[in-house]
Amino acid sequence: MNSLIELLNHPYHILNHLAGAMYSNIAPTAAHQRLRSRAKGLHHFTPEEYKTLREMFGRLAKTLERFATRLETPVDGPQPNWLTVTAQPWLNHKKIMEATGEPLGLSYVTIYDALRGKRTPPEGLLPALASHYRQHATWIRTQLDQSKAERSSYAFSAGRGKRKREKI
C-alpha cells in the first residue's frame, strides 16, 4: 500500500481533515492518530479503510478536475472569489499556490489576493493554477490505480485485537 501511503503523506493533503471525514464515529484526536499510524506504515489498513480512502481520493480527483475546468472557463463580468470556488478542506491550498507561483515569479500573498478578487489575476495565473490542479488529479488517479494493483499482495488488518489478516 505504498501508493496509498504516498497519497496520505503528500504535502497538498491535510491528514487530520481526511481523518475527520473518514472516522466520523470516534474522537478527532484518536482518528488523526489512527490514520497517522497507517500513513507511517506502523499499522495495516483494514479493507474498509482502503475502500473509504479510494472513494475519498477518487472524489478529490474529480473535484480537482472541476476546479481546473472552472478556472479555465472565461467569466463574463466581475471575477468571482476563486477561493470560494476552490474550497476543499482536504487540500493545503497554500502549498499549491506556492508551487504554482514559483515558476511565474509570484508570491503566495500575490496569488491569494488575486484569487480573492482584491487584485486582477496576473497573466497566466489561472491557466497555471488549473494546470496544477489537473496534474495533481492525474497523479492521484495514478496512485489509486497503483494501489488497486498492490491490494492483491497486501495483508489487510482484520481490525483491532484480531490476529488474522484479510486479503481482498
C-alpha atoms as a PDB file:
ATOM      1  CA  MET A   1       0.000   0.000   0.000  1.00  0.00           C
ATOM      2  CA  ASN A   2       2.919   2.319  -0.599  1.00  0.00           C
ATOM      3  CA  SER A   3       0.947   4.278  -3.180  1.00  0.00           C
ATOM      4  CA  LEU A   4      -1.877   4.917  -0.698  1.00  0.00           C
ATOM      5  CA  ILE A   5       0.662   5.937   1.930  1.00  0.00           C
ATOM      6  CA  GLU A   6       2.234   8.356  -0.593  1.00  0.00           C
ATOM      7  CA  LEU A   7      -1.201   9.871  -1.183  1.00  0.00           C
ATOM      8  CA  LEU A   8      -1.732  10.379   2.539  1.00  0.00           C
ATOM      9  CA  ASN A   9       1.719  11.878   3.073  1.00  0.00           C
ATOM     10  CA  HIS A  10       1.608  14.293   0.128  1.00  0.00           C
ATOM     11  CA  PRO A  11       2.123  17.896   1.311  1.00  0.00           C
ATOM     12  CA  TYR A  12      -1.033  19.054  -0.517  1.00  0.00           C
ATOM     13  CA  HIS A  13      -3.275  16.855   1.637  1.00  0.00           C
ATOM     14  CA  ILE A  14      -4.326  17.716   5.185  1.00  0.00           C
ATOM     15  CA  LEU A  15      -4.273  14.434   7.070  1.00  0.00           C
ATOM     16  CA  ASN A  16      -6.341  15.451  10.088  1.00  0.00           C
ATOM     17  CA  HIS A  17      -9.179  16.708   7.852  1.00  0.00           C
ATOM     18  CA  LEU A  18      -9.097  13.420   5.924  1.00  0.00           C
ATOM     19  CA  ALA A  19      -9.152  11.523   9.221  1.00  0.00           C
ATOM     20  CA  GLY A  20     -12.092  13.578  10.475  1.00  0.00           C
ATOM     21  CA  ALA A  21     -14.071  12.753   7.349  1.00  0.00           C
ATOM     22  CA  MET A  22     -13.047   9.116   7.403  1.00  0.00           C
ATOM     23  CA  TYR A  23     -13.626   8.253  11.063  1.00  0.00           C
ATOM     24  CA  SER A  24     -16.745  10.191  11.976  1.00  0.00           C
ATOM     25  CA  ASN A  25     -17.686   7.935  14.900  1.00  0.00           C
ATOM     26  CA  ILE A  26     -14.535   8.367  17.033  1.00  0.00           C
ATOM     27  CA  ALA A  27     -12.864  11.322  18.727  1.00  0.00           C
ATOM     28  CA  PRO A  28     -10.905  13.615  16.353  1.00  0.00           C
ATOM     29  CA  THR A  29      -7.575  13.084  18.113  1.00  0.00           C
ATOM     30  CA  ALA A  30      -7.937   9.306  18.018  1.00  0.00           C
ATOM     31  CA  ALA A  31      -8.965   9.430  14.350  1.00  0.00           C
ATOM     32  CA  HIS A  32      -5.949  11.527  13.487  1.00  0.00           C
ATOM     33  CA  GLN A  33      -3.607   9.172  15.343  1.00  0.00           C
ATOM     34  CA  ARG A  34      -5.143   6.112  13.719  1.00  0.00           C
ATOM     35  CA  LEU A  35      -4.702   7.455  10.189  1.00  0.00           C
ATOM     36  CA  ARG A  36      -1.254   8.865  11.022  1.00  0.00           C
ATOM     37  CA  SER A  37      -0.055   5.428  12.165  1.00  0.00           C
ATOM     38  CA  ARG A  38      -1.253   3.908   8.906  1.00  0.00           C
ATOM     39  CA  ALA A  39       0.362   6.720   6.895  1.00  0.00           C
ATOM     40  CA  LYS A  40       3.671   5.995   8.628  1.00  0.00           C
ATOM     41  CA  GLY A  41       3.313   2.302   7.844  1.00  0.00           C
ATOM     42  CA  LEU A  42       3.184   1.273  11.507  1.00  0.00           C
ATOM     43  CA  HIS A  43      -0.199  -0.415  11.181  1.00  0.00           C
ATOM     44  CA  HIS A  44      -2.004  -2.102   8.314  1.00  0.00           C
ATOM     45  CA  PHE A  45      -5.126  -0.683   6.711  1.00  0.00           C
ATOM     46  CA  THR A  46      -8.406  -2.504   7.147  1.00  0.00           C
ATOM     47  CA  PRO A  47     -10.349  -3.322   3.981  1.00  0.00           C
ATOM     48  CA  GLU A  48     -12.981  -0.731   4.939  1.00  0.00           C
ATOM     49  CA  GLU A  49     -10.334   1.972   5.371  1.00  0.00           C
ATOM     50  CA  TYR A  50      -8.842   1.074   1.998  1.00  0.00           C
ATOM     51  CA  LYS A  51     -12.218   1.329   0.264  1.00  0.00           C
ATOM     52  CA  THR A  52     -13.086   4.574   2.030  1.00  0.00           C
ATOM     53  CA  LEU A  53      -9.742   6.172   1.137  1.00  0.00           C
ATOM     54  CA  ARG A  54     -10.097   5.102  -2.500  1.00  0.00           C
ATOM     55  CA  GLU A  55     -13.555   6.690  -2.642  1.00  0.00           C
ATOM     56  CA  MET A  56     -12.385   9.874  -0.913  1.00  0.00           C
ATOM     57  CA  PHE A  57      -9.350  10.342  -3.145  1.00  0.00           C
ATOM     58  CA  GLY A  58     -11.412   9.481  -6.229  1.00  0.00           C
ATOM     59  CA  ARG A  59     -13.861  12.253  -5.299  1.00  0.00           C
ATOM     60  CA  LEU A  60     -10.947  14.594  -4.631  1.00  0.00           C
ATOM     61  CA  ALA A  61      -9.522  13.927  -8.109  1.00  0.00           C
ATOM     62  CA  LYS A  62     -12.928  14.686  -9.671  1.00  0.00           C
ATOM     63  CA  THR A  63     -13.174  17.860  -7.607  1.00  0.00           C
ATOM     64  CA  LEU A  64      -9.728  18.998  -8.744  1.00  0.00           C
ATOM     65  CA  GLU A  65     -10.731  18.409 -12.368  1.00  0.00           C
ATOM     66  CA  ARG A  66     -13.845  20.513 -11.783  1.00  0.00           C
ATOM     67  CA  PHE A  67     -11.719  23.278 -10.228  1.00  0.00           C
ATOM     68  CA  ALA A  68      -9.444  23.262 -13.264  1.00  0.00           C
ATOM     69  CA  THR A  69     -12.378  23.470 -15.655  1.00  0.00           C
ATOM     70  CA  ARG A  70     -13.905  26.403 -13.770  1.00  0.00           C
ATOM     71  CA  LEU A  71     -10.579  28.235 -13.671  1.00  0.00           C
ATOM     72  CA  GLU A  72     -10.112  27.783 -17.425  1.00  0.00           C
ATOM     73  CA  THR A  73     -13.652  28.882 -18.331  1.00  0.00           C
ATOM     74  CA  PRO A  74     -13.780  32.623 -19.097  1.00  0.00           C
ATOM     75  CA  VAL A  75     -16.071  34.617 -16.834  1.00  0.00           C
ATOM     76  CA  ASP A  76     -18.191  37.481 -18.145  1.00  0.00           C
ATOM     77  CA  GLY A  77     -18.468  40.357 -15.731  1.00  0.00           C
ATOM     78  CA  PRO A  78     -16.701  40.658 -12.388  1.00  0.00           C
ATOM     79  CA  GLN A  79     -14.292  37.927 -11.397  1.00  0.00           C
ATOM     80  CA  PRO A  80     -15.626  35.570  -8.716  1.00  0.00           C
ATOM     81  CA  ASN A  81     -13.882  34.907  -5.452  1.00  0.00           C
ATOM     82  CA  TRP A  82     -11.812  31.940  -6.646  1.00  0.00           C
ATOM     83  CA  LEU A  83     -11.044  30.887  -3.079  1.00  0.00           C
ATOM     84  CA  THR A  84     -14.711  30.005  -2.539  1.00  0.00           C
ATOM     85  CA  VAL A  85     -14.819  28.259  -5.916  1.00  0.00           C
ATOM     86  CA  THR A  86     -11.834  26.082  -4.990  1.00  0.00           C
ATOM     87  CA  ALA A  87     -12.802  25.488  -1.354  1.00  0.00           C
ATOM     88  CA  GLN A  88     -11.782  21.974  -0.287  1.00  0.00           C
ATOM     89  CA  PRO A  89     -10.928  21.227   3.360  1.00  0.00           C
ATOM     90  CA  TRP A  90      -8.649  18.284   2.492  1.00  0.00           C
ATOM     91  CA  LEU A  91      -6.266  20.409   0.423  1.00  0.00           C
ATOM     92  CA  ASN A  92      -3.444  22.634   1.601  1.00  0.00           C
ATOM     93  CA  HIS A  93      -4.041  25.474  -0.846  1.00  0.00           C
ATOM     94  CA  LYS A  94      -1.043  27.445   0.377  1.00  0.00           C
ATOM     95  CA  LYS A  95       1.346  24.743  -0.878  1.00  0.00           C
ATOM     96  CA  ILE A  96      -0.490  24.569  -4.212  1.00  0.00           C
ATOM     97  CA  MET A  97      -0.343  28.350  -4.653  1.00  0.00           C
ATOM     98  CA  GLU A  98       3.352  28.465  -3.760  1.00  0.00           C
ATOM     99  CA  ALA A  99       4.157  25.694  -6.242  1.00  0.00           C
ATOM    100  CA  THR A 100       2.112  27.411  -8.966  1.00  0.00           C
ATOM    101  CA  GLY A 101       3.577  30.856  -8.333  1.00  0.00           C
ATOM    102  CA  GLU A 102       7.221  29.816  -8.173  1.00  0.00           C
ATOM    103  CA  PRO A 103       7.775  29.476 -11.968  1.00  0.00           C
ATOM    104  CA  LEU A 104       5.725  32.634 -12.562  1.00  0.00           C
ATOM    105  CA  GLY A 105       7.702  34.642 -10.010  1.00  0.00           C
ATOM    106  CA  LEU A 106       4.606  35.237  -7.864  1.00  0.00           C
ATOM    107  CA  SER A 107       4.419  35.002  -4.111  1.00  0.00           C
ATOM    108  CA  TYR A 108       1.710  33.260  -2.141  1.00  0.00           C
ATOM    109  CA  VAL A 109       0.292  36.605  -0.985  1.00  0.00           C
ATOM    110  CA  THR A 110       0.013  37.929  -4.552  1.00  0.00           C
ATOM    111  CA  ILE A 111      -1.783  34.794  -5.687  1.00  0.00           C
ATOM    112  CA  TYR A 112      -4.046  34.783  -2.635  1.00  0.00           C
ATOM    113  CA  ASP A 113      -5.076  38.403  -3.191  1.00  0.00           C
ATOM    114  CA  ALA A 114      -5.675  37.787  -6.889  1.00  0.00           C
ATOM    115  CA  LEU A 115      -7.850  34.761  -6.169  1.00  0.00           C
ATOM    116  CA  ARG A 116      -9.786  36.666  -3.523  1.00  0.00           C
ATOM    117  CA  GLY A 117     -10.592  39.377  -6.029  1.00  0.00           C
ATOM    118  CA  LYS A 118      -8.528  42.136  -4.388  1.00  0.00           C
ATOM    119  CA  ARG A 119      -6.328  42.382  -7.494  1.00  0.00           C
ATOM    120  CA  THR A 120      -6.734  41.301 -11.065  1.00  0.00           C
ATOM    121  CA  PRO A 121      -5.080  37.924 -11.567  1.00  0.00           C
ATOM    122  CA  PRO A 122      -1.667  38.242 -13.261  1.00  0.00           C
ATOM    123  CA  GLU A 123      -1.449  37.000 -16.824  1.00  0.00           C
ATOM    124  CA  GLY A 124      -1.182  33.234 -16.910  1.00  0.00           C
ATOM    125  CA  LEU A 125      -2.050  32.630 -13.252  1.00  0.00           C
ATOM    126  CA  LEU A 126      -5.451  30.995 -13.683  1.00  0.00           C
ATOM    127  CA  PRO A 127      -4.308  28.646 -16.504  1.00  0.00           C
ATOM    128  CA  ALA A 128      -1.201  27.720 -14.484  1.00  0.00           C
ATOM    129  CA  LEU A 129      -3.314  27.013 -11.410  1.00  0.00           C
ATOM    130  CA  ALA A 130      -5.766  24.962 -13.492  1.00  0.00           C
ATOM    131  CA  SER A 131      -2.867  23.012 -14.966  1.00  0.00           C
ATOM    132  CA  HIS A 132      -1.500  22.347 -11.487  1.00  0.00           C
ATOM    133  CA  TYR A 133      -4.894  21.076 -10.276  1.00  0.00           C
ATOM    134  CA  ARG A 134      -5.210  18.803 -13.338  1.00  0.00           C
ATOM    135  CA  GLN A 135      -1.687  17.479 -12.867  1.00  0.00           C
ATOM    136  CA  HIS A 136      -2.381  16.672  -9.214  1.00  0.00           C
ATOM    137  CA  ALA A 137      -5.684  14.959 -10.100  1.00  0.00           C
ATOM    138  CA  THR A 138      -3.834  12.818 -12.653  1.00  0.00           C
ATOM    139  CA  TRP A 139      -1.225  11.901 -10.058  1.00  0.00           C
ATOM    140  CA  ILE A 140      -3.967  10.924  -7.583  1.00  0.00           C
ATOM    141  CA  ARG A 141      -5.601   8.678 -10.177  1.00  0.00           C
ATOM    142  CA  THR A 142      -2.239   7.068 -10.973  1.00  0.00           C
ATOM    143  CA  GLN A 143      -1.652   6.360  -7.284  1.00  0.00           C
ATOM    144  CA  LEU A 144      -5.154   4.907  -6.921  1.00  0.00           C
ATOM    145  CA  ASP A 145      -4.580   2.596  -9.890  1.00  0.00           C
ATOM    146  CA  GLN A 146      -1.291   1.508  -8.388  1.00  0.00           C
ATOM    147  CA  SER A 147      -2.914   0.839  -5.003  1.00  0.00           C
ATOM    148  CA  LYS A 148      -5.518  -1.285  -6.767  1.00  0.00           C
ATOM    149  CA  ALA A 149      -2.695  -3.419  -8.167  1.00  0.00           C
ATOM    150  CA  GLU A 150      -0.944  -3.560  -4.772  1.00  0.00           C
ATOM    151  CA  ARG A 151      -4.000  -4.737  -2.852  1.00  0.00           C
ATOM    152  CA  SER A 152      -3.674  -8.338  -4.055  1.00  0.00           C
ATOM    153  CA  SER A 153      -0.385  -8.756  -2.193  1.00  0.00           C
ATOM    154  CA  TYR A 154      -1.227  -6.581   0.835  1.00  0.00           C
ATOM    155  CA  ALA A 155      -2.148  -8.179   4.156  1.00  0.00           C
ATOM    156  CA  PHE A 156      -5.053  -6.106   5.425  1.00  0.00           C
ATOM    157  CA  SER A 157      -5.701  -5.863   9.143  1.00  0.00           C
ATOM    158  CA  ALA A 158      -8.762  -7.699  10.428  1.00  0.00           C
ATOM    159  CA  GLY A 159      -9.349  -4.953  12.981  1.00  0.00           C
ATOM    160  CA  ARG A 160      -8.366  -4.075  16.488  1.00  0.00           C
ATOM    161  CA  GLY A 161      -7.328  -7.058  18.574  1.00  0.00           C
ATOM    162  CA  LYS A 162      -7.721  -9.531  15.726  1.00  0.00           C
ATOM    163  CA  ARG A 163      -4.848 -11.811  14.762  1.00  0.00           C
ATOM    164  CA  LYS A 164      -5.972 -12.815  11.303  1.00  0.00           C
ATOM    165  CA  ARG A 165      -5.022 -10.668   8.313  1.00  0.00           C
ATOM    166  CA  GLU A 166      -7.500 -10.327   5.479  1.00  0.00           C
ATOM    167  CA  LYS A 167      -6.943 -10.162   1.757  1.00  0.00           C
ATOM    168  CA  ILE A 168      -9.429  -8.576  -0.619  1.00  0.00           C
END
